[in-house]
Amino acid sequence: MRAGLVAFPFLCPLVAGPSVQAWQLLATWVCLAAMLLAVPAAVPARGIWAWLGTGAAAVVLFSSPHAGAAAWLPAVVVLAAMAAAACVGAGMARGGAGTSGVLAVGVLVAGLASAVLGLLQYYGLAEPLVPWTTTPALGQAYGNLRQRNQFATLISMALVAALWIYAAQPSARIRRWLVAAALLLLVAAAASTSRTGLLQLLSIVGVAAFIARWERRGAAPDGATSRPPFSLPPPLVLLAMVPVYFAIAWLLPQLAAGEVEGMMQRLQEGAPGDHTRMILWRNVLSLIAAHPLAGWGWGELAFAHYSTLYDGPRFPEILDNAHNLPLHLAVEMGIPVSVLVCGGFLWMVMAARPWREHDPVRLMAWGMLGAIALHSLLEYPLWYGPFQLVFGLCLGMLWPARRAATASSLRQRFKARWPEPPVLSSVAAVVLMAVVGYATWDYIRISQIYLARDERLPAYEDGTLAKARKSWLFARQVDFAELTLTAVTPANAAAMHSLAERTLHFSPEPRVIVKLIESAELMGRGEEARDQAERFRIAFPAEYERWLKGLPVDGQAP
């Protein structure tokens, strides 16, 4: 059951409303609340509290002034949930290998189930499983994570889990099943066509082969003479996974019914046109140079990208994440905050000396944390619930509090009666479930605007927008819906102009820009309208041409 709580967020098929990841995040928090009750929690190191607290304070201080609490509250709750997950992870570390196996089994189950779903999707065979999964185009594989790099990171973490279980499991029969599981994971990794996944695979194989070599030389990775109480496959067997991966990557497209993009093709051709990360990061560096100390504000990257005219090539899509965590923190909250947060994490890692680690459980946690960290240098997995959960669990497992810093010693130090840890876990679980309950109700309520009238709940068939305006968790989604649903007229031009300016900081997309231009023209602000039209032309040239011809610039409004 506890392993299922780790696995379910990766497999959750629920998607509805204006946010793709909302239901997945809420499902993750429900599983975390259950884990607080099912796993004896402990206290992580003070450095973890300080690091997460610093991140939360920075988000609040540098949040966008255009959305109120809706700009910073979700991120603060996410960091609080990570802290709760770290408490569960610290409890796993206290419980030894048996309790830590919950993380390994949960991630492995999620990885294997996702691998099967991904291969069905890759060959166009997933249609009978809808709505329990999705049916992407032929040659696309991502399970229920809806992004191939996220899918590849899950597969990489599952491979780490499989290696740990193999090393700690003396049963020859179970080891044979784990070899078959590892082969399935390799096939799924190749089907993802993720270059991030390939980097993770090379890292995992290289480190595992190094550890296995030390084992067979009779020494632990830190140079000690005692052998670790586990045994990985031989180094050559581990290294053989790389050519096997490339052979599978070549074979998979050959077996498809139609023409699909294979991993070899992606490595040869790279990203299409101006969609490369080099252009994206060059744009982000220009934005950082414009506001190096305080940044543009938390959640303001998309607006900054739209409103800035670059000297060189421009990334052509709405850019709401820098696809690199240090750069993202720097562009939205300034270089000092980025150095403080990322440097603090790097300092904790260096102080822990993972290269000298030989405890099996901690090696597994380092492997999973490393896969997420590598992905965070290329994209943004920590914006999604399942990876937040595993990241928090690994933080607690790798940095539990010293035994002297227990609740008992704290009570003696302050001479006060402190609640026992199980009571604190129960209180945290109740608070988290209350947050989930309110957020779920509020999200269902505002999602009604994005449905056709006959698909809405009976209470929201009429006056839907007026009822949804009361939301403060999802106020920005409500503003977006109101803007796209309302026609601009001389009577409401001023109100629509204010709404469009506010919404532009949330999602600077063509239909928002058009409403801003139309309202500015009706208010007699011709220069502003021309300025926005020029930015529109540069940022979205195809949509701009459609607008000039009187055609819809985007999909249908909600």
Protein backbone atom coordinates (compact mmCIF):
# COMPACT_ATOMS: atom_id res chain seq x y z
CA MET A 1 0.00 0.00 0.00
CA ARG A 2 2.79 2.42 0.92
CA ALA A 3 4.61 1.68 -2.33
CA GLY A 4 1.35 2.33 -4.18
CA LEU A 5 1.20 5.79 -2.63
CA VAL A 6 4.58 6.55 -4.23
CA ALA A 7 3.56 5.05 -7.59
CA PHE A 8 0.07 6.49 -8.06
CA PRO A 9 1.02 10.15 -8.73
CA PHE A 10 3.07 9.01 -11.75
CA LEU A 11 0.14 6.95 -13.05
CA CYS A 12 -2.74 9.34 -12.27
CA PRO A 13 -4.81 9.70 -15.47
CA LEU A 14 -6.96 12.64 -14.32
CA VAL A 15 -6.77 15.72 -16.54
CA ALA A 16 -9.46 18.41 -16.67
CA GLY A 17 -9.84 22.15 -16.49
CA PRO A 18 -7.43 24.92 -17.45
CA SER A 19 -4.31 23.37 -15.88
CA VAL A 20 -2.89 20.08 -17.17
CA GLN A 21 -1.06 19.20 -13.95
CA ALA A 22 -3.63 20.35 -11.37
CA TRP A 23 -5.28 16.99 -10.73
CA GLN A 24 -1.93 15.21 -10.72
CA LEU A 25 -0.65 17.64 -8.08
CA LEU A 26 -3.76 17.23 -5.92
CA ALA A 27 -3.49 13.43 -6.21
CA THR A 28 0.17 13.69 -5.13
CA TRP A 29 -0.80 15.63 -2.02
CA VAL A 30 -3.47 13.07 -1.13
CA CYS A 31 -0.86 10.31 -1.38
CA LEU A 32 1.57 12.37 0.71
CA ALA A 33 -1.06 12.88 3.41
CA ALA A 34 -1.65 9.13 3.50
CA MET A 35 2.11 8.52 3.73
CA LEU A 36 2.32 10.83 6.75
CA LEU A 37 -0.10 8.42 8.46
CA ALA A 38 1.34 5.17 7.07
CA VAL A 39 5.10 5.81 7.48
CA PRO A 40 6.59 6.83 10.86
CA ALA A 41 7.89 10.31 10.11
CA ALA A 42 11.04 11.90 11.52
CA VAL A 43 12.71 15.29 11.42
CA PRO A 44 15.05 16.19 8.52
CA ALA A 45 18.21 18.19 9.12
CA ARG A 46 17.90 21.87 9.94
CA GLY A 47 19.64 22.69 6.68
CA ILE A 48 16.66 21.28 4.76
CA TRP A 49 14.24 23.49 6.70
CA ALA A 50 16.45 26.52 6.13
CA TRP A 51 16.85 25.76 2.41
CA LEU A 52 13.13 25.22 1.74
CA GLY A 53 12.24 28.20 3.93
CA THR A 54 14.63 30.43 2.01
CA GLY A 55 12.98 29.38 -1.25
CA ALA A 56 9.51 30.11 0.13
CA ALA A 57 10.53 33.52 1.47
CA ALA A 58 12.11 34.44 -1.87
CA VAL A 59 8.96 33.49 -3.78
CA VAL A 60 6.81 35.68 -1.53
CA LEU A 61 9.21 38.65 -1.60
CA PHE A 62 9.78 38.53 -5.37
CA SER A 63 6.30 37.49 -6.50
CA SER A 64 4.45 39.25 -9.30
CA PRO A 65 2.44 42.26 -8.10
CA HIS A 66 -0.17 41.61 -10.79
CA ALA A 67 -1.89 38.58 -9.22
CA GLY A 68 -1.78 38.91 -5.43
CA ALA A 69 -1.66 35.66 -3.48
CA ALA A 70 -2.40 33.63 -6.61
CA ALA A 71 1.15 34.36 -7.79
CA TRP A 72 3.05 33.02 -4.77
CA LEU A 73 0.69 30.82 -2.74
CA PRO A 74 0.87 27.67 -4.96
CA ALA A 75 4.68 27.68 -4.87
CA VAL A 76 4.74 28.13 -1.09
CA VAL A 77 2.31 25.24 -0.60
CA VAL A 78 4.45 23.08 -2.91
CA LEU A 79 7.54 23.83 -0.81
CA ALA A 80 5.60 23.05 2.37
CA ALA A 81 4.53 19.73 0.84
CA MET A 82 8.19 19.01 -0.01
CA ALA A 83 9.05 19.65 3.63
CA ALA A 84 6.35 17.15 4.69
CA ALA A 85 7.75 14.64 2.18
CA ALA A 86 11.23 15.22 3.66
CA CYS A 87 9.82 14.27 7.07
CA VAL A 88 8.51 11.03 5.58
CA GLY A 89 11.88 10.45 3.91
CA ALA A 90 13.70 11.02 7.19
CA GLY A 91 11.38 8.43 8.75
CA MET A 92 12.28 6.01 5.95
CA ALA A 93 15.97 6.57 6.70
CA ARG A 94 15.35 5.81 10.37
CA GLY A 95 13.45 2.65 9.42
CA GLY A 96 16.36 1.13 7.48
CA ALA A 97 16.34 -0.81 4.23
CA GLY A 98 12.95 -2.39 4.86
CA THR A 99 11.16 0.96 5.10
CA SER A 100 13.24 2.56 2.36
CA GLY A 101 12.16 -0.24 0.05
CA VAL A 102 8.81 1.54 -0.13
CA LEU A 103 10.38 4.22 -2.33
CA ALA A 104 12.23 1.68 -4.50
CA VAL A 105 9.23 -0.58 -5.07
CA GLY A 106 6.88 2.35 -5.66
CA VAL A 107 9.11 3.99 -8.26
CA LEU A 108 9.84 0.63 -9.94
CA VAL A 109 6.14 -0.22 -10.18
CA ALA A 110 5.38 3.22 -11.60
CA GLY A 111 8.23 2.88 -14.08
CA LEU A 112 7.21 -0.58 -15.31
CA ALA A 113 3.54 0.33 -15.63
CA SER A 114 4.46 3.53 -17.47
CA ALA A 115 6.85 1.58 -19.71
CA VAL A 116 4.00 -0.70 -20.82
CA LEU A 117 1.70 2.27 -21.40
CA GLY A 118 4.44 4.11 -23.28
CA LEU A 119 5.13 1.22 -25.64
CA LEU A 120 1.42 0.85 -26.37
CA GLN A 121 1.32 4.55 -27.16
CA TYR A 122 4.45 4.32 -29.30
CA TYR A 123 2.83 1.71 -31.56
CA GLY A 124 -0.66 3.28 -31.54
CA LEU A 125 -2.26 0.53 -29.41
CA ALA A 126 -3.37 2.58 -26.40
CA GLU A 127 -6.87 3.51 -27.66
CA PRO A 128 -8.67 0.70 -25.72
CA LEU A 129 -7.20 2.04 -22.44
CA VAL A 130 -8.68 5.54 -22.76
CA PRO A 131 -9.52 7.32 -20.39
CA TRP A 132 -6.94 5.54 -18.20
CA THR A 133 -4.22 6.84 -20.48
CA THR A 134 -3.88 9.05 -23.54
CA THR A 135 -3.30 8.29 -27.23
CA PRO A 136 -0.55 10.52 -28.64
CA ALA A 137 0.64 10.41 -32.22
CA LEU A 138 2.38 7.29 -33.46
CA GLY A 139 5.96 7.15 -32.20
CA GLN A 140 5.25 9.18 -29.04
CA ALA A 141 5.67 7.51 -25.64
CA TYR A 142 5.16 9.22 -22.31
CA GLY A 143 2.72 7.14 -20.24
CA ASN A 144 0.48 9.36 -18.13
CA LEU A 145 3.15 12.04 -17.63
CA ARG A 146 2.34 13.71 -20.99
CA GLN A 147 5.93 14.69 -21.66
CA ARG A 148 8.67 12.40 -22.90
CA ASN A 149 11.45 13.90 -20.76
CA GLN A 150 9.38 13.38 -17.61
CA PHE A 151 8.64 9.85 -18.78
CA ALA A 152 12.37 9.26 -19.34
CA THR A 153 13.25 10.58 -15.87
CA LEU A 154 10.73 8.20 -14.29
CA ILE A 155 12.26 5.33 -16.28
CA SER A 156 15.75 6.38 -15.09
CA MET A 157 14.65 6.47 -11.44
CA ALA A 158 12.97 3.07 -11.89
CA LEU A 159 16.26 1.71 -13.25
CA VAL A 160 18.03 3.02 -10.12
CA ALA A 161 15.39 1.28 -8.00
CA ALA A 162 15.79 -1.98 -9.95
CA LEU A 163 19.57 -1.92 -9.45
CA TRP A 164 19.17 -1.32 -5.72
CA ILE A 165 16.63 -4.13 -5.30
CA TYR A 166 18.88 -6.43 -7.35
CA ALA A 167 21.90 -5.61 -5.20
CA ALA A 168 20.02 -6.08 -1.93
CA GLN A 169 18.07 -9.18 -3.00
CA PRO A 170 19.86 -12.55 -2.66
CA SER A 171 17.09 -14.54 -4.38
CA ALA A 172 18.24 -15.73 -7.83
CA ARG A 173 14.64 -16.01 -9.01
CA ILE A 174 13.80 -12.41 -8.12
CA ARG A 175 17.04 -11.23 -9.69
CA ARG A 176 16.07 -12.87 -12.99
CA TRP A 177 12.76 -10.98 -12.91
CA LEU A 178 14.66 -7.76 -12.21
CA VAL A 179 16.89 -8.35 -15.25
CA ALA A 180 13.73 -8.67 -17.37
CA ALA A 181 12.38 -5.49 -15.74
CA ALA A 182 15.60 -3.63 -16.53
CA LEU A 183 15.35 -4.73 -20.17
CA LEU A 184 11.77 -3.41 -20.36
CA LEU A 185 12.95 -0.12 -18.87
CA LEU A 186 15.69 0.13 -21.49
CA VAL A 187 13.12 -0.40 -24.25
CA ALA A 188 10.90 2.31 -22.75
CA ALA A 189 13.86 4.70 -22.42
CA ALA A 190 14.64 4.23 -26.11
CA ALA A 191 10.97 4.69 -27.04
CA SER A 192 10.90 8.03 -25.20
CA THR A 193 13.49 9.41 -27.69
CA SER A 194 14.56 11.69 -24.82
CA ARG A 195 18.11 13.02 -24.96
CA THR A 196 17.77 13.90 -21.28
CA GLY A 197 16.95 10.26 -20.63
CA LEU A 198 20.06 9.19 -22.54
CA LEU A 199 22.26 11.45 -20.38
CA GLN A 200 20.65 9.98 -17.26
CA LEU A 201 21.19 6.43 -18.51
CA LEU A 202 24.88 7.07 -19.23
CA SER A 203 25.30 8.61 -15.75
CA ILE A 204 23.52 5.76 -13.97
CA VAL A 205 25.42 3.07 -15.86
CA GLY A 206 28.76 4.79 -15.33
CA VAL A 207 28.32 5.26 -11.58
CA ALA A 208 26.86 1.76 -11.08
CA ALA A 209 29.76 0.20 -13.01
CA PHE A 210 32.24 2.14 -10.86
CA ILE A 211 30.59 0.91 -7.65
CA ALA A 212 30.44 -2.66 -8.97
CA ARG A 213 34.15 -2.50 -9.80
CA TRP A 214 34.98 -1.44 -6.26
CA GLU A 215 32.85 -4.28 -4.93
CA ARG A 216 34.77 -6.84 -6.92
CA ARG A 217 38.08 -5.39 -5.77
CA GLY A 218 36.96 -5.95 -2.19
CA ALA A 219 36.73 -2.28 -1.23
CA ALA A 220 33.90 0.19 -0.69
CA PRO A 221 33.67 3.31 -2.88
CA ASP A 222 35.29 5.44 -0.15
CA GLY A 223 38.39 3.26 -0.04
CA ALA A 224 37.44 1.29 3.07
CA THR A 225 38.37 -2.39 3.18
CA SER A 226 34.92 -3.70 4.12
CA ARG A 227 32.62 -4.80 1.33
CA PRO A 228 29.16 -3.22 1.11
CA PRO A 229 26.31 -5.56 2.10
CA PHE A 230 24.99 -5.71 -1.45
CA SER A 231 26.15 -6.83 -4.86
CA LEU A 232 25.52 -5.15 -8.21
CA PRO A 233 25.85 -6.97 -11.55
CA PRO A 234 29.39 -7.17 -13.01
CA PRO A 235 30.70 -3.89 -14.45
CA LEU A 236 30.82 -5.22 -18.02
CA VAL A 237 27.19 -6.31 -17.77
CA LEU A 238 26.22 -2.84 -16.61
CA LEU A 239 28.23 -1.15 -19.35
CA ALA A 240 26.61 -3.45 -21.92
CA MET A 241 23.32 -1.66 -21.24
CA VAL A 242 24.52 1.27 -23.38
CA PRO A 243 24.98 -0.63 -26.68
CA VAL A 244 21.80 -2.58 -25.93
CA TYR A 245 19.98 0.76 -25.57
CA PHE A 246 21.25 1.98 -28.96
CA ALA A 247 20.35 -1.31 -30.61
CA ILE A 248 16.81 -1.02 -29.25
CA ALA A 249 16.64 2.64 -30.30
CA TRP A 250 17.51 1.59 -33.88
CA LEU A 251 15.06 -1.34 -33.89
CA LEU A 252 11.92 0.32 -32.44
CA PRO A 253 11.14 2.61 -35.43
CA GLN A 254 11.67 -0.31 -37.82
CA LEU A 255 8.79 -2.17 -36.17
CA ALA A 256 6.33 0.74 -36.35
CA ALA A 257 3.47 0.68 -38.87
CA GLY A 258 4.25 4.19 -40.10
CA GLU A 259 7.13 6.65 -40.20
CA VAL A 260 8.16 7.73 -36.70
CA GLU A 261 11.02 9.80 -35.32
CA GLY A 262 13.61 7.54 -33.71
CA MET A 263 16.27 8.34 -31.16
CA MET A 264 19.03 8.16 -33.76
CA GLN A 265 17.22 10.74 -35.88
CA ARG A 266 16.78 13.08 -32.90
CA LEU A 267 20.49 12.83 -32.04
CA GLN A 268 21.45 13.62 -35.63
CA GLU A 269 18.99 16.45 -36.32
CA GLY A 270 18.50 18.04 -32.89
CA ALA A 271 15.64 20.43 -32.16
CA PRO A 272 13.86 21.88 -35.20
CA GLY A 273 14.72 25.38 -36.38
CA ASP A 274 14.79 28.05 -33.68
CA HIS A 275 13.33 25.81 -30.95
CA THR A 276 16.77 24.95 -29.57
CA ARG A 277 17.72 25.38 -25.93
CA MET A 278 20.70 27.48 -26.97
CA ILE A 279 18.39 30.17 -28.36
CA LEU A 280 16.09 29.84 -25.36
CA TRP A 281 18.93 30.22 -22.87
CA ARG A 282 20.44 33.10 -24.85
CA ASN A 283 17.10 34.94 -24.57
CA VAL A 284 16.92 34.18 -20.86
CA LEU A 285 20.46 35.50 -20.30
CA SER A 286 19.44 38.74 -22.03
CA LEU A 287 16.48 39.03 -19.65
CA ILE A 288 18.75 38.37 -16.66
CA ALA A 289 21.11 41.10 -17.84
CA ALA A 290 18.19 43.56 -17.88
CA HIS A 291 17.28 42.91 -14.21
CA PRO A 292 20.21 41.10 -12.60
CA LEU A 293 19.56 41.85 -8.92
CA ALA A 294 15.81 41.54 -8.31
CA GLY A 295 14.72 39.74 -11.48
CA TRP A 296 11.45 40.28 -13.29
CA GLY A 297 9.31 38.81 -10.50
CA TRP A 298 8.13 35.29 -9.71
CA GLY A 299 5.91 34.08 -12.54
CA GLU A 300 6.90 36.93 -14.88
CA LEU A 301 9.17 35.13 -17.35
CA ALA A 302 6.47 34.72 -20.01
CA PHE A 303 5.65 38.44 -19.91
CA ALA A 304 9.34 39.37 -19.89
CA HIS A 305 9.96 37.25 -22.96
CA TYR A 306 6.99 38.74 -24.83
CA SER A 307 7.79 42.34 -23.96
CA THR A 308 11.52 42.21 -24.77
CA LEU A 309 12.99 42.81 -28.23
CA TYR A 310 16.17 40.76 -28.67
CA ASP A 311 19.13 41.60 -30.87
CA GLY A 312 19.53 38.03 -32.13
CA PRO A 313 17.25 35.00 -32.71
CA ARG A 314 14.09 34.72 -30.65
CA PHE A 315 12.59 31.58 -29.09
CA PRO A 316 9.24 31.39 -30.93
CA GLU A 317 6.91 30.05 -28.22
CA ILE A 318 5.49 31.37 -24.95
CA LEU A 319 8.44 31.02 -22.60
CA ASP A 320 7.21 30.52 -19.04
CA ASN A 321 10.18 28.48 -17.79
CA ALA A 322 13.89 28.86 -18.50
CA HIS A 323 14.36 25.08 -18.85
CA ASN A 324 17.21 25.38 -16.37
CA LEU A 325 16.53 25.84 -12.67
CA PRO A 326 19.43 28.22 -11.82
CA LEU A 327 18.61 30.39 -14.84
CA HIS A 328 14.90 30.37 -14.01
CA LEU A 329 15.50 31.53 -10.45
CA ALA A 330 17.90 34.20 -11.72
CA VAL A 331 15.55 35.62 -14.36
CA GLU A 332 12.53 35.77 -12.04
CA MET A 333 14.11 36.55 -8.65
CA GLY A 334 17.59 37.81 -9.46
CA ILE A 335 21.11 36.40 -9.47
CA PRO A 336 21.61 36.71 -5.66
CA VAL A 337 18.55 34.53 -4.95
CA SER A 338 19.62 31.99 -7.56
CA VAL A 339 23.12 31.80 -6.08
CA LEU A 340 21.69 31.51 -2.56
CA VAL A 341 19.21 28.72 -3.38
CA CYS A 342 21.28 26.72 -5.87
CA GLY A 343 24.54 27.38 -4.04
CA GLY A 344 22.95 26.29 -0.77
CA PHE A 345 21.85 23.00 -2.31
CA LEU A 346 25.26 22.46 -3.89
CA TRP A 347 26.92 23.15 -0.56
CA MET A 348 24.74 20.53 1.16
CA VAL A 349 25.58 18.01 -1.55
CA MET A 350 29.32 18.67 -1.36
CA ALA A 351 29.25 18.48 2.45
CA ALA A 352 27.50 15.09 2.23
CA ARG A 353 30.26 13.74 -0.07
CA PRO A 354 28.13 11.41 -2.20
CA TRP A 355 31.24 10.18 -4.03
CA ARG A 356 32.33 8.47 -0.77
CA GLU A 357 28.92 6.93 -0.11
CA HIS A 358 28.54 3.16 0.23
CA ASP A 359 25.31 2.79 2.19
CA PRO A 360 22.90 1.01 -0.22
CA VAL A 361 19.80 3.01 0.71
CA ARG A 362 21.57 6.35 0.42
CA LEU A 363 23.11 5.34 -2.91
CA MET A 364 19.61 4.69 -4.24
CA ALA A 365 18.40 8.08 -2.97
CA TRP A 366 21.42 9.82 -4.52
CA GLY A 367 20.67 8.13 -7.84
CA MET A 368 17.04 9.30 -7.89
CA LEU A 369 17.95 12.79 -6.69
CA GLY A 370 20.64 12.97 -9.36
CA ALA A 371 18.18 12.04 -12.13
CA ILE A 372 15.82 14.85 -11.05
CA ALA A 373 18.70 17.33 -10.65
CA LEU A 374 20.04 16.56 -14.14
CA HIS A 375 16.54 16.94 -15.59
CA SER A 376 16.20 20.28 -13.74
CA LEU A 377 19.21 21.62 -15.64
CA LEU A 378 17.36 21.01 -18.92
CA GLU A 379 13.66 21.38 -18.02
CA TYR A 380 11.40 21.76 -15.00
CA PRO A 381 10.38 18.42 -13.37
CA LEU A 382 10.00 20.08 -9.97
CA TRP A 383 6.93 21.91 -11.29
CA TYR A 384 5.08 18.55 -11.23
CA GLY A 385 3.72 16.70 -8.20
CA PRO A 386 5.24 13.20 -8.59
CA PHE A 387 8.79 14.53 -8.90
CA GLN A 388 8.23 16.93 -5.99
CA LEU A 389 7.22 13.93 -3.87
CA VAL A 390 10.28 11.82 -4.76
CA PHE A 391 12.58 14.84 -4.43
CA GLY A 392 11.24 15.55 -0.93
CA LEU A 393 11.54 11.90 0.11
CA CYS A 394 15.16 11.82 -1.07
CA LEU A 395 15.95 15.05 0.81
CA GLY A 396 14.75 13.49 4.05
CA MET A 397 16.53 10.19 3.41
CA LEU A 398 19.85 11.88 2.64
CA TRP A 399 19.70 14.62 5.27
CA PRO A 400 17.85 13.29 8.34
CA ALA A 401 18.34 15.16 11.60
CA ARG A 402 21.03 13.94 13.92
CA ARG A 403 19.74 11.72 16.67
CA ALA A 404 20.52 14.41 19.23
CA ALA A 405 17.96 16.68 17.61
CA THR A 406 14.96 14.54 18.49
CA ALA A 407 11.67 15.77 19.84
CA SER A 408 12.68 14.47 23.28
CA SER A 409 15.90 16.51 23.45
CA LEU A 410 14.05 19.58 22.20
CA ARG A 411 11.49 19.20 24.97
CA GLN A 412 14.28 19.02 27.53
CA ARG A 413 16.02 22.04 26.04
CA PHE A 414 12.96 24.30 26.07
CA LYS A 415 11.33 22.63 29.09
CA ALA A 416 8.01 22.47 27.29
CA ARG A 417 5.62 19.69 26.40
CA TRP A 418 6.00 18.91 22.68
CA PRO A 419 3.56 16.69 20.80
CA GLU A 420 4.84 13.24 19.92
CA PRO A 421 5.93 12.75 16.26
CA PRO A 422 2.88 10.58 15.38
CA VAL A 423 0.61 13.39 16.57
CA LEU A 424 2.50 15.94 14.46
CA SER A 425 2.27 13.65 11.43
CA SER A 426 -1.47 13.27 11.93
CA VAL A 427 -1.94 17.02 12.27
CA ALA A 428 0.14 17.64 9.13
CA ALA A 429 -1.88 15.03 7.23
CA VAL A 430 -5.18 16.62 8.30
CA VAL A 431 -3.97 20.10 7.32
CA LEU A 432 -2.76 18.84 3.95
CA MET A 433 -6.07 17.07 3.27
CA ALA A 434 -7.95 20.25 4.20
CA VAL A 435 -5.83 22.16 1.67
CA VAL A 436 -6.51 19.49 -0.96
CA GLY A 437 -10.23 19.52 -0.21
CA TYR A 438 -10.56 23.28 -0.57
CA ALA A 439 -8.32 23.43 -3.65
CA THR A 440 -10.25 20.59 -5.30
CA TRP A 441 -13.59 22.30 -4.69
CA ASP A 442 -12.27 25.64 -5.91
CA TYR A 443 -10.66 24.10 -9.00
CA ILE A 444 -13.82 22.20 -9.96
CA ARG A 445 -15.77 25.44 -9.55
CA ILE A 446 -13.57 27.58 -11.78
CA SER A 447 -13.20 24.76 -14.34
CA GLN A 448 -16.89 25.08 -15.16
CA ILE A 449 -16.09 28.23 -17.18
CA TYR A 450 -13.99 26.12 -19.52
CA LEU A 451 -16.84 23.69 -20.27
CA ALA A 452 -19.81 23.94 -22.61
CA ARG A 453 -23.03 24.86 -20.79
CA ASP A 454 -24.55 21.38 -21.07
CA GLU A 455 -21.36 19.83 -19.58
CA ARG A 456 -21.32 21.99 -16.45
CA LEU A 457 -22.53 21.06 -13.00
CA PRO A 458 -26.20 22.04 -12.53
CA ALA A 459 -25.36 24.76 -10.01
CA TYR A 460 -23.02 26.43 -12.50
CA GLU A 461 -25.03 26.27 -15.72
CA ASP A 462 -26.04 29.93 -15.34
CA GLY A 463 -23.98 32.84 -14.05
CA THR A 464 -20.86 30.69 -14.17
CA LEU A 465 -18.37 33.50 -14.50
CA ALA A 466 -19.86 35.56 -11.68
CA LYS A 467 -19.71 32.56 -9.34
CA ALA A 468 -16.12 31.72 -10.31
CA ARG A 469 -14.90 35.29 -9.66
CA LYS A 470 -14.90 34.52 -5.93
CA SER A 471 -11.90 32.22 -6.33
CA TRP A 472 -8.60 33.48 -4.98
CA LEU A 473 -6.51 30.35 -5.56
CA PHE A 474 -7.24 30.36 -9.30
CA ALA A 475 -8.04 34.02 -9.84
CA ARG A 476 -5.67 34.25 -12.81
CA GLN A 477 -7.41 31.42 -14.66
CA VAL A 478 -10.74 33.15 -14.04
CA ASP A 479 -9.37 36.45 -15.38
CA PHE A 480 -8.13 34.66 -18.50
CA ALA A 481 -11.54 33.07 -19.10
CA GLU A 482 -13.36 36.36 -18.56
CA LEU A 483 -11.07 38.19 -20.97
CA THR A 484 -11.40 35.63 -23.78
CA LEU A 485 -15.18 35.30 -23.33
CA THR A 486 -15.97 39.02 -23.34
CA ALA A 487 -16.10 41.14 -26.47
CA VAL A 488 -14.44 44.56 -26.29
CA THR A 489 -16.89 47.45 -26.69
CA PRO A 490 -16.63 51.23 -26.13
CA ALA A 491 -18.60 50.79 -22.90
CA ASN A 492 -16.24 48.23 -21.34
CA ALA A 493 -12.98 49.25 -23.04
CA ALA A 494 -11.39 50.65 -19.86
CA ALA A 495 -12.26 47.59 -17.76
CA MET A 496 -11.15 45.20 -20.51
CA HIS A 497 -7.89 47.12 -20.95
CA SER A 498 -7.10 46.75 -17.24
CA LEU A 499 -8.04 43.06 -17.34
CA ALA A 500 -5.95 42.47 -20.47
CA GLU A 501 -2.90 44.16 -18.94
CA ARG A 502 -3.24 41.96 -15.86
CA THR A 503 -3.77 38.80 -17.89
CA LEU A 504 -0.81 39.58 -20.13
CA HIS A 505 1.42 38.89 -17.12
CA PHE A 506 -0.24 35.48 -16.71
CA SER A 507 -0.35 34.28 -20.31
CA PRO A 508 0.86 36.63 -23.07
CA GLU A 509 -0.73 34.73 -25.93
CA PRO A 510 -2.29 36.10 -29.13
CA ARG A 511 -5.93 36.31 -28.04
CA VAL A 512 -4.91 38.25 -24.91
CA ILE A 513 -2.75 40.61 -26.94
CA VAL A 514 -5.58 41.24 -29.44
CA LYS A 515 -7.95 42.23 -26.61
CA LEU A 516 -5.31 44.62 -25.25
CA ILE A 517 -4.84 46.24 -28.68
CA GLU A 518 -8.59 46.54 -29.30
CA SER A 519 -9.29 48.11 -25.90
CA ALA A 520 -6.35 50.52 -26.27
CA GLU A 521 -7.66 51.67 -29.67
CA LEU A 522 -11.17 52.27 -28.29
CA MET A 523 -9.67 54.31 -25.45
CA GLY A 524 -7.78 56.51 -27.91
CA ARG A 525 -4.36 55.12 -27.00
CA GLY A 526 -3.14 54.73 -30.54
CA GLU A 527 0.57 54.74 -29.72
CA GLU A 528 0.15 51.97 -27.15
CA ALA A 529 -1.92 49.92 -29.62
CA ARG A 530 0.77 50.31 -32.31
CA ASP A 531 3.49 49.36 -29.84
CA GLN A 532 1.62 46.20 -28.79
CA ALA A 533 0.90 45.35 -32.43
CA GLU A 534 4.62 45.54 -33.21
CA ARG A 535 5.45 43.25 -30.27
CA PHE A 536 2.67 40.93 -31.43
CA ARG A 537 4.20 40.81 -34.92
CA ILE A 538 7.64 39.94 -33.58
CA ALA A 539 6.52 37.40 -30.98
CA PHE A 540 3.82 35.59 -33.00
CA PRO A 541 4.28 36.38 -36.73
CA ALA A 542 1.90 33.68 -38.03
CA GLU A 543 -0.92 34.68 -35.67
CA TYR A 544 -0.27 38.35 -36.45
CA GLU A 545 -0.84 37.73 -40.16
CA ARG A 546 -4.10 35.91 -39.39
CA TRP A 547 -5.23 38.83 -37.25
CA LEU A 548 -4.54 41.31 -40.06
CA LYS A 549 -6.71 39.19 -42.35
CA GLY A 550 -9.55 39.15 -39.83
CA LEU A 551 -9.12 35.43 -39.03
CA PRO A 552 -9.14 33.89 -35.52
CA VAL A 553 -5.66 34.11 -34.03
CA ASP A 554 -5.97 31.08 -31.79
CA GLY A 555 -8.16 28.16 -30.90
CA GLN A 556 -11.70 28.77 -29.72
CA ALA A 557 -11.99 30.68 -26.47
CA PRO A 558 -13.18 28.66 -23.46
